[in-house]
Amino acid sequence: MSILEEMLSPLSLQEFSAEYLFRMPYAAPFKASRFKDLISWQILEDILKAEHDDCWLPYRGKLPEDPRLSSGKLTKTQMYEGFAQGRTILVRHAERSHPQLKSIADDFYKVFHDPVDIQLYGTPAQQEGFDWHFDAEEVFVIQSVGEKEFRLRANTTFPWPVPSSTPQHKFFAAERPSPEIRCWLKPGDWLYIPAGYWHKARAITPSFHLSVGIMSTTGVGMLQALLPKLTENPLWRRRLPLRASATDTYQDHLRELISALSVAMETHKVD
């Protein structure tokens, strides 16, 4: 049984997929009890000792201006001092520097067969690491130590997001008032946040949690994956007919491309 199936039980993976996945949040108390106390200062120290280069100390969504804290690498002293100052400890792609976290990422990969990354968050009491934001990934938040309250809202301005450099505050400013979901997580609880869902979190007590992110394949992603293969076919390298003088020929060529694309998508193997 996978970790996800264990956390979902008695709900089946098929039921979760049909009712919640990509659609709406889902939370379950005590179902992630195996992760209680998993995230510790020792694990964070081990990751820093491995010279992991994706460690940050944001405060209310902003990174420190101090250039010594802007390289992605932190010392143990910087980590502890930042936490004492009210900063969140954020470690991205933590699975790259810790075998236990890699094992968790591998387990989720076996379910989704899409890229998986794990982020660690250590947040002082009464602090928020980030303001309202959304992720392009499916996110499974697993509370390990302390308590944290999550607030969530549906995304009506930019649903089904893909990684983008567009500032998210522009989308949030355009949102109309909508119902808000609140979820209070204690150690061993977990929460699923669909890609695109607005959310923010506040630590009630000193809090440590891990987020398992799944970058699920999209139609755009499939087309990007197909592009190298398509260029091997002369059909896709041929120039399009001149529309102004040969409308029927142009439309016939488009239909030929659409048919070839349909076949390519149906036969495409996802790694």
Protein backbone atom coordinates (compact mmCIF):
# COMPACT_ATOMS: atom_id res chain seq x y z
CA MET A 1 0.00 0.00 0.00
CA SER A 2 1.34 3.45 -0.93
CA ILE A 3 1.68 6.30 1.55
CA LEU A 4 -1.17 8.13 -0.13
CA GLU A 5 -3.47 5.11 0.03
CA GLU A 6 -2.61 4.72 3.71
CA MET A 7 -3.46 8.37 4.39
CA LEU A 8 -6.72 8.11 2.44
CA SER A 9 -8.05 4.88 3.97
CA PRO A 10 -10.92 4.00 4.17
CA LEU A 11 -11.42 6.28 1.13
CA SER A 12 -9.94 4.52 -1.88
CA LEU A 13 -7.48 6.09 -4.29
CA GLN A 14 -10.09 5.72 -7.04
CA GLU A 15 -12.71 7.56 -4.96
CA PHE A 16 -10.25 10.32 -4.10
CA SER A 17 -9.32 10.67 -7.77
CA ALA A 18 -12.94 10.86 -8.89
CA GLU A 19 -14.20 13.26 -6.21
CA TYR A 20 -11.29 15.47 -5.11
CA LEU A 21 -8.11 15.22 -7.19
CA PHE A 22 -7.66 18.37 -9.33
CA ARG A 23 -11.07 19.59 -8.06
CA MET A 24 -11.32 20.50 -4.39
CA PRO A 25 -9.39 20.34 -1.10
CA TYR A 26 -9.50 17.31 1.13
CA ALA A 27 -8.26 16.89 4.72
CA ALA A 28 -7.97 13.93 7.07
CA PRO A 29 -7.07 14.06 10.78
CA PHE A 30 -4.59 11.56 12.24
CA LYS A 31 -4.21 9.70 8.93
CA ALA A 32 -0.57 10.79 8.54
CA SER A 33 0.42 9.80 12.07
CA ARG A 34 3.58 8.05 10.81
CA PHE A 35 4.94 11.55 10.02
CA LYS A 36 4.48 12.94 13.54
CA ASP A 37 7.81 14.40 14.69
CA LEU A 38 9.47 13.42 11.41
CA ILE A 39 10.61 16.95 10.60
CA SER A 40 13.09 17.92 13.28
CA TRP A 41 15.90 20.36 13.79
CA GLN A 42 18.25 17.41 13.25
CA ILE A 43 16.87 16.73 9.75
CA LEU A 44 17.20 20.41 8.89
CA GLU A 45 20.77 20.45 10.18
CA ASP A 46 21.58 17.32 8.14
CA ILE A 47 20.24 19.00 4.99
CA LEU A 48 22.33 22.12 5.62
CA LYS A 49 25.38 19.96 6.31
CA ALA A 50 24.85 18.35 2.88
CA GLU A 51 25.25 21.87 1.41
CA HIS A 52 21.75 21.84 -0.03
CA ASP A 53 21.42 24.95 -2.21
CA ASP A 54 17.68 25.62 -2.04
CA CYS A 55 17.20 26.87 1.54
CA TRP A 56 15.52 30.20 2.34
CA LEU A 57 14.28 32.40 5.18
CA PRO A 58 11.20 34.25 3.92
CA TYR A 59 9.27 36.67 6.10
CA ARG A 60 5.69 37.37 5.03
CA GLY A 61 6.49 36.24 1.52
CA LYS A 62 9.67 38.25 1.08
CA LEU A 63 13.23 36.98 1.10
CA PRO A 64 15.88 38.77 3.17
CA GLU A 65 17.74 41.62 1.49
CA ASP A 66 20.98 40.52 3.16
CA PRO A 67 23.09 39.05 0.31
CA ARG A 68 24.49 36.45 2.74
CA LEU A 69 21.00 34.94 2.89
CA SER A 70 20.26 35.04 -0.84
CA SER A 71 22.40 32.23 -2.22
CA GLY A 72 20.09 29.35 -1.34
CA LYS A 73 22.61 28.02 1.17
CA LEU A 74 22.29 28.62 4.90
CA THR A 75 24.48 27.94 7.88
CA LYS A 76 23.08 26.38 11.04
CA THR A 77 23.54 29.72 12.84
CA GLN A 78 21.65 31.61 10.11
CA MET A 79 18.79 29.10 10.27
CA TYR A 80 18.36 29.34 14.04
CA GLU A 81 18.75 33.13 14.10
CA GLY A 82 16.25 33.56 11.27
CA PHE A 83 13.67 31.39 13.03
CA ALA A 84 14.18 33.39 16.25
CA GLN A 85 13.52 36.59 14.26
CA GLY A 86 10.16 35.24 13.06
CA ARG A 87 11.30 33.97 9.68
CA THR A 88 10.04 30.77 8.08
CA ILE A 89 12.61 28.13 7.22
CA LEU A 90 11.88 26.92 3.70
CA VAL A 91 13.77 24.04 2.08
CA ARG A 92 12.80 23.31 -1.52
CA HIS A 93 13.56 19.95 -3.17
CA ALA A 94 14.53 18.53 0.21
CA GLU A 95 14.32 15.00 -1.24
CA ARG A 96 17.61 15.68 -3.03
CA SER A 97 19.55 15.89 0.23
CA HIS A 98 17.92 13.44 2.62
CA PRO A 99 17.31 9.71 2.02
CA GLN A 100 14.15 9.49 4.14
CA LEU A 101 12.55 12.34 2.21
CA LYS A 102 13.66 10.83 -1.10
CA SER A 103 11.90 7.62 -0.10
CA ILE A 104 8.66 9.58 0.43
CA ALA A 105 9.03 11.31 -2.94
CA ASP A 106 9.69 7.97 -4.67
CA ASP A 107 6.55 6.50 -3.08
CA PHE A 108 4.37 9.33 -4.41
CA TYR A 109 6.01 9.02 -7.83
CA LYS A 110 4.89 5.40 -8.06
CA VAL A 111 1.27 6.62 -7.72
CA PHE A 112 1.36 9.64 -10.04
CA HIS A 113 4.27 8.96 -12.45
CA ASP A 114 4.87 12.71 -12.55
CA PRO A 115 7.69 14.84 -11.08
CA VAL A 116 7.60 15.00 -7.27
CA ASP A 117 9.34 17.46 -4.98
CA ILE A 118 9.26 17.89 -1.22
CA GLN A 119 9.39 21.20 0.58
CA LEU A 120 9.97 21.61 4.30
CA TYR A 121 8.53 24.50 6.29
CA GLY A 122 9.48 25.55 9.79
CA THR A 123 7.40 28.52 10.95
CA PRO A 124 7.54 30.36 14.29
CA ALA A 125 4.32 30.74 16.29
CA GLN A 126 1.86 33.34 14.99
CA GLN A 127 3.80 33.86 11.77
CA GLU A 128 2.86 33.45 8.10
CA GLY A 129 5.54 32.43 5.64
CA PHE A 130 3.59 33.65 2.61
CA ASP A 131 0.51 35.72 1.84
CA TRP A 132 -2.29 34.47 -0.44
CA HIS A 133 -0.78 32.47 -3.31
CA PHE A 134 -1.35 29.38 -5.42
CA ASP A 135 0.88 26.58 -6.67
CA ALA A 136 1.01 25.02 -10.13
CA GLU A 137 1.45 21.66 -8.38
CA GLU A 138 -0.92 19.37 -6.56
CA VAL A 139 0.13 19.82 -2.93
CA PHE A 140 -0.17 17.33 -0.07
CA VAL A 141 0.54 19.13 3.22
CA ILE A 142 1.57 16.78 6.04
CA GLN A 143 1.75 18.32 9.50
CA SER A 144 4.66 16.92 11.50
CA VAL A 145 5.18 19.17 14.54
CA GLY A 146 3.00 21.88 16.09
CA GLU A 147 -0.25 23.33 14.79
CA LYS A 148 -1.02 25.43 11.74
CA GLU A 149 -4.19 26.95 10.28
CA PHE A 150 -4.64 26.98 6.51
CA ARG A 151 -7.08 29.27 4.71
CA LEU A 152 -8.15 28.34 1.17
CA ARG A 153 -10.19 29.93 -1.64
CA ALA A 154 -11.10 28.76 -5.11
CA ASN A 155 -9.21 30.37 -7.99
CA THR A 156 -11.63 31.97 -10.49
CA THR A 157 -9.18 34.28 -12.27
CA PHE A 158 -6.46 31.80 -13.30
CA PRO A 159 -7.68 28.20 -12.90
CA TRP A 160 -5.57 25.24 -14.03
CA PRO A 161 -2.30 27.19 -13.70
CA VAL A 162 1.02 26.28 -15.23
CA PRO A 163 4.36 27.64 -14.00
CA SER A 164 4.34 31.33 -14.84
CA SER A 165 6.35 34.44 -14.10
CA THR A 166 3.19 36.57 -13.94
CA PRO A 167 2.88 38.15 -10.47
CA GLN A 168 0.12 36.32 -8.62
CA HIS A 169 -1.08 39.42 -6.79
CA LYS A 170 -2.56 40.67 -10.07
CA PHE A 171 -4.79 37.60 -10.24
CA PHE A 172 -5.72 37.79 -6.56
CA ALA A 173 -6.65 41.47 -6.84
CA ALA A 174 -9.15 40.53 -9.57
CA GLU A 175 -10.83 37.84 -7.46
CA ARG A 176 -14.38 38.45 -6.29
CA PRO A 177 -15.31 37.67 -2.67
CA SER A 178 -15.84 33.93 -2.33
CA PRO A 179 -16.33 31.36 0.45
CA GLU A 180 -13.21 30.58 2.43
CA ILE A 181 -12.23 27.19 3.79
CA ARG A 182 -10.29 27.01 7.04
CA CYS A 183 -8.35 23.92 8.07
CA TRP A 184 -6.55 23.52 11.39
CA LEU A 185 -3.77 20.94 11.20
CA LYS A 186 -2.26 19.14 14.15
CA PRO A 187 0.62 16.62 14.09
CA GLY A 188 -0.39 13.63 11.99
CA ASP A 189 -3.08 15.52 10.04
CA TRP A 190 -2.83 16.17 6.31
CA LEU A 191 -4.41 18.41 3.70
CA TYR A 192 -4.65 18.20 -0.10
CA ILE A 193 -4.61 21.54 -1.96
CA PRO A 194 -5.40 21.34 -5.70
CA ALA A 195 -3.17 23.22 -8.11
CA GLY A 196 -4.40 26.78 -8.43
CA TYR A 197 -6.26 26.97 -5.12
CA TRP A 198 -5.45 30.18 -3.26
CA HIS A 199 -4.07 29.51 0.21
CA LYS A 200 -2.11 30.95 3.10
CA ALA A 201 -1.17 29.51 6.47
CA ARG A 202 -0.45 30.78 9.98
CA ALA A 203 1.45 28.83 12.59
CA ILE A 204 -0.50 28.58 15.84
CA THR A 205 2.49 27.13 17.66
CA PRO A 206 6.02 26.62 16.33
CA SER A 207 5.25 24.44 13.34
CA PHE A 208 7.04 22.04 11.00
CA HIS A 209 5.37 20.45 7.99
CA LEU A 210 6.33 18.92 4.68
CA SER A 211 4.60 19.57 1.39
CA VAL A 212 4.68 16.92 -1.29
CA GLY A 213 4.24 18.61 -4.66
CA ILE A 214 3.14 16.75 -7.79
CA MET A 215 3.65 18.49 -11.14
CA SER A 216 0.92 16.62 -12.98
CA THR A 217 1.11 16.43 -16.76
CA THR A 218 -1.06 18.92 -18.66
CA GLY A 219 -2.11 19.04 -22.30
CA VAL A 220 0.50 21.73 -22.85
CA GLY A 221 3.10 19.52 -21.19
CA MET A 222 2.19 16.61 -23.44
CA LEU A 223 2.55 18.79 -26.53
CA GLN A 224 5.96 19.98 -25.35
CA ALA A 225 7.03 16.37 -24.80
CA LEU A 226 5.81 15.42 -28.27
CA LEU A 227 7.60 18.25 -30.08
CA PRO A 228 10.97 16.48 -30.60
CA LYS A 229 9.18 13.44 -32.02
CA LEU A 230 6.93 15.52 -34.26
CA THR A 231 9.88 17.31 -35.83
CA GLU A 232 11.20 13.95 -37.04
CA ASN A 233 8.16 13.68 -39.31
CA PRO A 234 8.43 15.70 -42.58
CA LEU A 235 4.71 16.46 -42.33
CA TRP A 236 5.36 18.77 -39.38
CA ARG A 237 8.28 20.47 -41.11
CA ARG A 238 6.37 21.26 -44.29
CA ARG A 239 5.38 24.89 -44.85
CA LEU A 240 1.69 25.67 -44.60
CA PRO A 241 -0.10 26.50 -47.86
CA LEU A 242 -0.73 30.16 -48.61
CA ARG A 243 -4.13 30.89 -47.10
CA ALA A 244 -4.93 33.80 -49.39
CA SER A 245 -4.79 31.79 -52.61
CA ALA A 246 -5.55 28.21 -51.58
CA THR A 247 -8.12 28.14 -48.78
CA ASP A 248 -9.22 24.52 -49.41
CA THR A 249 -5.63 23.31 -49.59
CA TYR A 250 -4.83 25.11 -46.35
CA GLN A 251 -7.80 23.55 -44.53
CA ASP A 252 -6.93 20.09 -45.91
CA HIS A 253 -3.39 20.46 -44.58
CA LEU A 254 -4.67 21.49 -41.13
CA ARG A 255 -6.92 18.44 -41.00
CA GLU A 256 -3.94 16.24 -41.91
CA LEU A 257 -1.93 17.79 -39.05
CA ILE A 258 -4.79 17.36 -36.57
CA SER A 259 -5.16 13.72 -37.55
CA ALA A 260 -1.42 13.09 -37.18
CA LEU A 261 -1.39 14.86 -33.80
CA SER A 262 -4.27 12.73 -32.57
CA VAL A 263 -2.37 9.56 -33.45
CA ALA A 264 0.82 10.88 -31.80
CA MET A 265 -1.02 11.73 -28.57
CA GLU A 266 -2.76 8.35 -28.42
CA THR A 267 0.51 6.47 -28.87
CA HIS A 268 2.63 8.75 -26.64
CA LYS A 269 4.21 6.89 -23.74
CA VAL A 270 4.41 8.83 -20.47
CA ASP A 271 7.62 8.11 -18.57
